[in-house]
């Protein structure tokens, strides 16, 4: 199993926060400006938008909070905010 575990990458611009704190922490690559078109502000706005959407989804489908769904993907999620919102 150890061969399958990917180590936390070394990133430029700072250290990654430990899980689960990094769910909403601005990643070092974003805060350092190394991703074109993505700023700390756009990252935070993306998080807020997905929290709003997931909250609405949970009103429609109460099973989202049950732990039943583990691998939900949305190809439009972009910055990972969808996964963070589902987790929390």
Protein backbone atom coordinates (compact mmCIF):
# COMPACT_ATOMS: atom_id res chain seq x y z
CA UNK A 1 0.00 0.00 0.00
CA UNK A 2 2.88 2.37 0.78
CA UNK A 3 3.89 2.52 -2.90
CA UNK A 4 0.43 3.87 -3.75
CA UNK A 5 0.52 6.80 -1.34
CA UNK A 6 1.56 10.05 -2.96
CA UNK A 7 3.65 12.23 -0.67
CA UNK A 8 2.66 15.85 -0.10
CA UNK A 9 4.43 17.82 -2.82
CA UNK A 10 7.00 20.50 -2.16
CA UNK A 11 5.52 23.75 -3.43
CA UNK A 12 7.02 27.09 -4.17
CA UNK A 13 5.66 30.06 -2.28
CA UNK A 14 5.15 28.39 1.10
CA UNK A 15 4.05 25.24 2.88
CA UNK A 16 0.76 23.43 2.46
CA UNK A 17 -1.45 23.54 5.54
CA UNK A 18 -2.18 20.16 7.15
CA UNK A 19 -5.50 18.48 6.36
CA UNK A 20 -8.29 19.49 7.09
CA UNK A 21 -7.06 23.08 7.56
CA UNK A 22 -5.98 23.24 3.93
CA UNK A 23 -9.52 22.67 2.66
CA UNK A 24 -10.13 26.42 2.66
CA UNK A 25 -6.58 27.76 3.03
CA UNK A 26 -5.26 29.60 0.00
CA UNK A 27 -2.64 27.30 -1.58
CA UNK A 28 0.91 28.68 -1.83
CA UNK A 29 0.84 28.47 -5.64
CA UNK A 30 -2.23 30.74 -5.66
CA UNK A 31 -0.97 33.22 -3.06
CA UNK A 32 2.40 33.48 -4.82
CA UNK A 33 0.68 34.32 -8.13
CA UNK A 34 2.19 31.37 -10.00
CA UNK A 35 -1.16 30.28 -11.49
CA UNK A 36 -2.17 32.68 -14.26
CA UNK A 37 -5.66 34.07 -13.83
CA UNK A 38 -6.12 32.81 -10.27
CA UNK A 39 -5.66 35.23 -7.38
CA UNK A 40 -6.32 34.82 -3.67
CA UNK A 41 -9.57 36.73 -4.20
CA UNK A 42 -10.79 34.49 -7.04
CA UNK A 43 -9.87 31.44 -4.95
CA UNK A 44 -11.90 32.69 -1.97
CA UNK A 45 -14.82 33.62 -4.24
CA UNK A 46 -14.76 30.10 -5.71
CA UNK A 47 -14.91 28.64 -2.18
CA UNK A 48 -17.88 30.85 -1.26
CA UNK A 49 -19.72 29.97 -4.46
CA UNK A 50 -19.33 26.22 -3.96
CA UNK A 51 -20.34 26.41 -0.29
CA UNK A 52 -23.56 28.07 -1.45
CA UNK A 53 -24.18 25.42 -4.14
CA UNK A 54 -23.45 22.48 -1.84
CA UNK A 55 -25.73 23.94 0.83
CA UNK A 56 -28.53 24.00 -1.76
CA UNK A 57 -27.67 20.45 -2.90
CA UNK A 58 -27.87 19.21 0.70
CA UNK A 59 -31.38 20.63 1.06
CA UNK A 60 -32.46 18.57 -1.95
CA UNK A 61 -30.45 15.44 -1.19
CA UNK A 62 -29.97 14.81 2.53
CA UNK A 63 -27.78 11.79 1.76
CA UNK A 64 -24.86 14.10 0.96
CA UNK A 65 -24.29 14.49 4.71
CA UNK A 66 -24.61 10.78 5.41
CA UNK A 67 -21.08 9.79 4.41
CA UNK A 68 -22.58 7.57 1.73
CA UNK A 69 -20.98 9.52 -1.10
CA UNK A 70 -17.19 9.58 -1.19
CA UNK A 71 -16.20 10.19 -4.81
CA UNK A 72 -18.36 12.96 -6.19
CA UNK A 73 -16.83 14.92 -9.03
CA UNK A 74 -17.91 17.96 -10.92
CA UNK A 75 -15.89 18.67 -14.03
CA UNK A 76 -16.60 22.39 -13.62
CA UNK A 77 -15.30 22.55 -10.05
CA UNK A 78 -12.00 24.11 -11.10
CA UNK A 79 -10.12 24.96 -7.92
CA UNK A 80 -11.21 22.12 -5.63
CA UNK A 81 -13.78 24.16 -3.74
CA UNK A 82 -16.54 21.68 -4.57
CA UNK A 83 -14.67 18.88 -2.79
CA UNK A 84 -13.92 21.11 0.19
CA UNK A 85 -17.57 22.13 0.48
CA UNK A 86 -18.75 18.51 0.28
CA UNK A 87 -16.24 17.45 2.96
CA UNK A 88 -17.28 20.13 5.42
